[in-house]
């Protein structure tokens, strides 16, 4: 909804009034410029795709910054965010794998400081997994409670120091303060002239507490012309693909806290559960392999 995670040069300033103003502005402008899901009202057909990335969390390969691991525990551009510091991996914290389920835990330590976890599929050198077009999906159960801020998102895999614009696609961004909805967002971040950056935001309403009481599928199909968002493989929103999407997209999953909302009533600990993260690419016309 508002970007505290991107390569936006202002993301690290931490101005709470600015954050709140942007939240309110995005709600007011919620439906401007968007295409309705009715224009593509069919469930995603995975037979159109072939798998390219499968993380089922039977084990977890993660390090602070790589290389040599499948995931790193910080944003590659060193732009961590929120009111809980993202911790380097330790035994059983902030990541734990049990029976094929990854748990990301946010916990308040004896020092009174909150810490939590983030996974990114690319490193600061742009090595790792990234894909420009295709279908990206996560199956997850979100933590309940005010102040939690879990997200599943994609970001342009850009080399350090580039002035090219970056594109951020927030497949799912959830504010625990509001347990009846979540956000899907497309950001274009302009580095040469940040004032030219732009955002499109969509709110999906859900039954009260349903995202934290069970697992759901959060997906996005990124194509040359359209970006289509899905909940449980049913379309919820469609928006034109920005011309600035010229680079592959890395995957990020995190359990942040705050986003401008207080964390004094956030459950300690708070746990986000993730069953899998899968990515698919479109099949070639002559690919007749099994669905």
Protein backbone atom coordinates (compact mmCIF):
# COMPACT_ATOMS: atom_id res chain seq x y z
CA UNK A 1 0.00 0.00 0.00
CA UNK A 2 2.78 2.35 0.93
CA UNK A 3 6.30 1.25 0.38
CA UNK A 4 8.61 0.93 3.34
CA UNK A 5 10.35 -1.96 1.66
CA UNK A 6 11.37 -0.81 -1.79
CA UNK A 7 14.36 0.90 -3.31
CA UNK A 8 12.52 4.18 -2.86
CA UNK A 9 15.22 6.55 -1.47
CA UNK A 10 12.75 7.99 1.04
CA UNK A 11 11.72 4.61 2.47
CA UNK A 12 14.29 4.75 5.26
CA UNK A 13 13.24 8.14 6.62
CA UNK A 14 10.55 6.61 8.78
CA UNK A 15 8.24 9.62 8.88
CA UNK A 16 5.09 8.33 10.55
CA UNK A 17 2.91 11.30 9.46
CA UNK A 18 3.95 10.73 5.86
CA UNK A 19 3.14 7.04 6.16
CA UNK A 20 -0.31 7.76 7.55
CA UNK A 21 -1.01 10.37 4.90
CA UNK A 22 -0.05 7.96 2.13
CA UNK A 23 -2.25 5.25 3.62
CA UNK A 24 -5.25 7.57 3.65
CA UNK A 25 -4.47 8.88 0.17
CA UNK A 26 -4.22 5.41 -1.31
CA UNK A 27 -7.58 4.47 0.19
CA UNK A 28 -9.18 7.58 -1.32
CA UNK A 29 -7.66 6.82 -4.71
CA UNK A 30 -8.30 3.11 -4.37
CA UNK A 31 -10.21 2.47 -7.56
CA UNK A 32 -8.69 5.09 -9.85
CA UNK A 33 -7.11 3.68 -12.98
CA UNK A 34 -7.71 0.05 -12.14
CA UNK A 35 -9.33 -2.62 -14.28
CA UNK A 36 -11.99 -4.71 -12.58
CA UNK A 37 -11.59 -8.41 -11.90
CA UNK A 38 -14.78 -9.03 -13.91
CA UNK A 39 -12.68 -8.51 -17.02
CA UNK A 40 -10.85 -11.73 -16.21
CA UNK A 41 -13.25 -13.60 -13.95
CA UNK A 42 -11.87 -17.10 -14.42
CA UNK A 43 -9.75 -19.04 -11.96
CA UNK A 44 -6.06 -19.30 -12.81
CA UNK A 45 -5.35 -22.26 -15.09
CA UNK A 46 -2.00 -23.72 -14.05
CA UNK A 47 -2.02 -26.02 -17.07
CA UNK A 48 -0.91 -22.95 -19.04
CA UNK A 49 2.32 -22.89 -17.04
CA UNK A 50 5.36 -24.96 -16.18
CA UNK A 51 7.01 -24.83 -12.73
CA UNK A 52 10.24 -22.84 -12.40
CA UNK A 53 10.65 -22.44 -8.63
CA UNK A 54 9.30 -24.68 -5.88
CA UNK A 55 9.96 -23.94 -2.23
CA UNK A 56 7.99 -26.40 -0.09
CA UNK A 57 9.87 -25.70 3.15
CA UNK A 58 10.74 -29.27 3.93
CA UNK A 59 14.08 -27.69 4.79
CA UNK A 60 15.23 -24.07 4.72
CA UNK A 61 18.36 -22.77 3.01
CA UNK A 62 18.91 -19.22 4.31
CA UNK A 63 21.84 -17.02 5.30
CA UNK A 64 22.16 -13.38 6.28
CA UNK A 65 23.42 -12.13 2.90
CA UNK A 66 24.49 -15.15 0.83
CA UNK A 67 25.93 -16.40 -1.42
CA UNK A 68 25.43 -20.12 -1.23
CA UNK A 69 21.89 -20.15 0.17
CA UNK A 70 18.52 -20.14 -1.56
CA UNK A 71 17.29 -17.19 0.52
CA UNK A 72 18.84 -14.25 2.32
CA UNK A 73 17.39 -12.67 5.46
CA UNK A 74 17.40 -9.00 4.43
CA UNK A 75 16.37 -6.93 1.42
CA UNK A 76 19.26 -7.04 -1.07
CA UNK A 77 19.46 -3.23 -1.09
CA UNK A 78 19.85 -3.17 2.73
CA UNK A 79 16.54 -1.36 3.07
CA UNK A 80 15.00 -3.18 6.01
CA UNK A 81 11.85 -1.57 7.40
CA UNK A 82 9.16 -1.66 10.07
CA UNK A 83 9.26 -1.69 13.86
CA UNK A 84 10.89 -5.10 14.24
CA UNK A 85 14.48 -5.56 13.10
CA UNK A 86 14.94 -8.44 10.66
CA UNK A 87 17.26 -10.87 12.42
CA UNK A 88 20.07 -12.91 10.97
CA UNK A 89 19.13 -16.61 11.01
CA UNK A 90 19.71 -18.30 14.36
CA UNK A 91 18.71 -21.77 15.58
CA UNK A 92 14.89 -21.77 15.70
CA UNK A 93 14.63 -18.00 15.18
CA UNK A 94 13.25 -16.13 13.36
CA UNK A 95 12.65 -19.12 11.06
CA UNK A 96 11.55 -22.59 12.01
CA UNK A 97 10.49 -25.46 9.74
CA UNK A 98 8.12 -28.11 11.07
CA UNK A 99 6.31 -30.75 8.98
CA UNK A 100 6.75 -28.79 5.76
CA UNK A 101 5.56 -25.49 7.22
CA UNK A 102 7.83 -22.47 7.62
CA UNK A 103 7.15 -20.30 10.66
CA UNK A 104 8.41 -16.72 10.68
CA UNK A 105 8.28 -15.44 14.23
CA UNK A 106 8.20 -11.86 15.49
CA UNK A 107 9.27 -11.73 19.12
CA UNK A 108 9.96 -9.08 21.74
CA UNK A 109 13.25 -9.81 23.46
CA UNK A 110 14.35 -9.26 27.06
CA UNK A 111 15.81 -5.95 25.91
CA UNK A 112 12.33 -4.76 24.95
CA UNK A 113 13.12 -4.74 21.23
CA UNK A 114 11.13 -6.60 18.60
CA UNK A 115 12.83 -8.81 16.01
CA UNK A 116 11.38 -10.76 13.13
CA UNK A 117 12.22 -12.34 9.78
CA UNK A 118 12.34 -11.70 6.04
CA UNK A 119 13.25 -13.92 3.10
CA UNK A 120 14.50 -12.63 -0.26
CA UNK A 121 15.31 -14.86 -3.24
CA UNK A 122 18.09 -12.66 -4.66
CA UNK A 123 21.33 -11.32 -3.20
CA UNK A 124 22.91 -7.85 -3.38
CA UNK A 125 24.82 -8.99 -6.50
CA UNK A 126 21.48 -9.97 -8.18
CA UNK A 127 22.34 -13.69 -8.00
CA UNK A 128 19.60 -16.05 -6.95
CA UNK A 129 16.10 -16.53 -8.32
CA UNK A 130 14.21 -13.87 -10.26
CA UNK A 131 11.69 -14.07 -13.10
CA UNK A 132 10.10 -11.29 -15.14
CA UNK A 133 6.78 -12.87 -16.20
CA UNK A 134 4.71 -15.76 -14.89
CA UNK A 135 2.53 -16.81 -11.99
CA UNK A 136 3.79 -16.39 -8.41
CA UNK A 137 1.92 -18.01 -5.51
CA UNK A 138 2.22 -18.42 -1.73
CA UNK A 139 0.07 -20.54 0.58
CA UNK A 140 0.10 -19.03 4.05
CA UNK A 141 -1.73 -18.40 7.30
CA UNK A 142 -1.30 -14.86 8.59
CA UNK A 143 -0.78 -13.88 12.22
CA UNK A 144 -3.63 -12.17 14.09
CA UNK A 145 -3.45 -8.99 16.09
CA UNK A 146 -2.95 -5.25 15.72
CA UNK A 147 0.46 -4.14 14.53
CA UNK A 148 1.35 -7.22 12.47
CA UNK A 149 2.30 -6.43 8.87
CA UNK A 150 3.01 -9.61 6.85
CA UNK A 151 3.58 -9.44 3.12
CA UNK A 152 4.31 -11.49 0.01
CA UNK A 153 5.81 -9.31 -2.71
CA UNK A 154 8.01 -9.04 -5.78
CA UNK A 155 10.63 -6.44 -6.61
CA UNK A 156 12.83 -5.67 -9.61
CA UNK A 157 16.16 -7.47 -9.30
CA UNK A 158 18.38 -4.48 -10.04
CA UNK A 159 22.16 -4.11 -9.66
CA UNK A 160 23.37 -1.76 -6.97
CA UNK A 161 23.65 1.87 -8.03
CA UNK A 162 21.38 1.67 -11.06
CA UNK A 163 19.17 4.64 -11.88
CA UNK A 164 16.62 2.50 -13.69
CA UNK A 165 13.12 2.61 -12.20
CA UNK A 166 12.08 -0.35 -10.11
CA UNK A 167 8.70 -2.08 -9.99
CA UNK A 168 7.29 -3.52 -6.78
CA UNK A 169 4.27 -5.83 -6.81
CA UNK A 170 2.69 -6.47 -3.42
CA UNK A 171 0.73 -9.67 -3.94
CA UNK A 172 -0.51 -9.55 -0.37
CA UNK A 173 0.07 -6.83 2.23
CA UNK A 174 -1.93 -7.26 5.45
CA UNK A 175 -2.42 -4.85 8.31
CA UNK A 176 -3.51 -6.70 11.46
CA UNK A 177 -5.26 -3.54 12.60
CA UNK A 178 -7.90 -4.32 9.93
CA UNK A 179 -8.76 -8.06 9.99
CA UNK A 180 -11.43 -7.83 7.28
CA UNK A 181 -9.24 -6.92 4.29
CA UNK A 182 -5.80 -6.96 2.72
CA UNK A 183 -4.03 -4.88 0.07
CA UNK A 184 -2.55 -5.67 -3.34
CA UNK A 185 -0.37 -2.91 -4.76
CA UNK A 186 1.71 -2.04 -7.81
CA UNK A 187 4.44 0.56 -7.25
CA UNK A 188 6.73 2.18 -9.82
CA UNK A 189 9.68 3.80 -8.08
CA UNK A 190 11.54 6.45 -10.05
CA UNK A 191 15.07 7.06 -8.81
CA UNK A 192 16.03 10.01 -11.02
CA UNK A 193 12.90 11.98 -10.11
CA UNK A 194 11.15 10.32 -7.13
CA UNK A 195 8.19 12.68 -7.51
CA UNK A 196 7.28 10.76 -10.67
CA UNK A 197 6.83 7.52 -8.70
CA UNK A 198 3.29 6.17 -8.72
CA UNK A 199 1.13 3.61 -6.94
CA UNK A 200 -2.04 1.64 -7.63
CA UNK A 201 -3.70 0.01 -4.63
CA UNK A 202 -6.59 -2.44 -4.32
CA UNK A 203 -8.31 -3.61 -1.12
CA UNK A 204 -9.80 -7.11 -1.02
CA UNK A 205 -12.45 -7.60 1.65
CA UNK A 206 -12.55 -10.94 3.47
CA UNK A 207 -14.57 -12.42 6.36
CA UNK A 208 -13.39 -11.19 9.75
CA UNK A 209 -10.25 -13.02 10.86
CA UNK A 210 -10.36 -15.52 7.99
CA UNK A 211 -6.78 -14.87 6.86
CA UNK A 212 -5.40 -15.72 10.31
CA UNK A 213 -7.71 -18.66 11.05
CA UNK A 214 -6.60 -20.78 8.10
CA UNK A 215 -4.35 -21.10 5.06
CA UNK A 216 -5.09 -19.23 1.83
CA UNK A 217 -3.47 -18.93 -1.60
CA UNK A 218 -2.14 -15.51 -2.63
CA UNK A 219 -1.12 -15.28 -6.28
CA UNK A 220 -0.28 -12.91 -9.11
CA UNK A 221 0.03 -13.53 -12.83
CA UNK A 222 2.49 -11.03 -14.31
CA UNK A 223 2.23 -10.79 -18.09
CA UNK A 224 3.43 -8.32 -20.71
CA UNK A 225 0.08 -6.53 -20.86
CA UNK A 226 -1.67 -7.21 -17.56
CA UNK A 227 -1.00 -8.03 -13.92
CA UNK A 228 -3.81 -10.12 -12.40
CA UNK A 229 -4.08 -10.79 -8.67
CA UNK A 230 -5.71 -13.88 -7.18
CA UNK A 231 -7.02 -15.05 -3.81
CA UNK A 232 -7.43 -18.82 -3.58
CA UNK A 233 -6.84 -18.83 -7.36
CA UNK A 234 -9.87 -16.63 -8.03
CA UNK A 235 -9.19 -13.22 -9.64
CA UNK A 236 -9.62 -10.15 -7.44
CA UNK A 237 -7.97 -7.33 -9.41
CA UNK A 238 -6.37 -6.60 -12.78
CA UNK A 239 -4.13 -3.68 -13.73
CA UNK A 240 -2.07 -2.85 -16.84
CA UNK A 241 1.57 -3.88 -16.61
CA UNK A 242 3.73 -0.77 -16.22
CA UNK A 243 6.19 -0.11 -19.05
CA UNK A 244 8.95 0.15 -16.43
CA UNK A 245 8.81 -3.59 -15.78
CA UNK A 246 11.94 -4.44 -17.75
CA UNK A 247 13.81 -6.63 -15.26
CA UNK A 248 13.18 -9.99 -13.57
CA UNK A 249 11.34 -9.92 -10.26
CA UNK A 250 12.74 -11.41 -7.05
CA UNK A 251 10.50 -12.92 -4.36
CA UNK A 252 10.20 -11.52 -0.85
CA UNK A 253 8.22 -12.80 2.13
CA UNK A 254 8.27 -11.13 5.52
CA UNK A 255 6.58 -10.62 8.85
CA UNK A 256 7.08 -6.94 9.63
CA UNK A 257 5.46 -4.89 12.37
CA UNK A 258 4.09 -1.37 12.46
CA UNK A 259 3.52 0.29 9.07
CA UNK A 260 2.51 3.42 10.98
CA UNK A 261 0.20 1.53 13.31
CA UNK A 262 1.03 1.01 17.02
CA UNK A 263 2.50 -2.30 18.17
CA UNK A 264 1.77 -1.97 21.89
CA UNK A 265 -0.98 -4.63 21.59
CA UNK A 266 0.81 -6.90 19.12
CA UNK A 267 0.82 -10.52 20.37
CA UNK A 268 4.25 -11.65 21.58
CA UNK A 269 5.21 -13.80 19.80
CA UNK A 270 3.41 -13.42 16.46
CA UNK A 271 3.85 -16.17 13.88
CA UNK A 272 3.30 -16.25 10.13
CA UNK A 273 2.97 -19.78 8.69
CA UNK A 274 3.94 -20.52 5.09
CA UNK A 275 3.26 -23.83 3.38
CA UNK A 276 4.98 -23.05 0.09
CA UNK A 277 6.11 -20.48 -2.45
CA UNK A 278 5.78 -21.60 -6.08
CA UNK A 279 6.55 -19.85 -9.36
CA UNK A 280 5.52 -20.81 -12.88
CA UNK A 281 6.36 -19.61 -16.40
CA UNK A 282 4.09 -19.74 -19.44
CA UNK A 283 4.42 -22.87 -21.51
CA UNK A 284 5.64 -22.61 -25.09
CA UNK A 285 2.98 -23.23 -27.72
CA UNK A 286 4.53 -26.59 -28.59
CA UNK A 287 4.95 -27.68 -24.95
CA UNK A 288 2.51 -30.56 -24.54
CA UNK A 289 3.88 -31.79 -21.24
CA UNK A 290 1.64 -33.00 -18.41
CA UNK A 291 -0.40 -30.41 -16.53
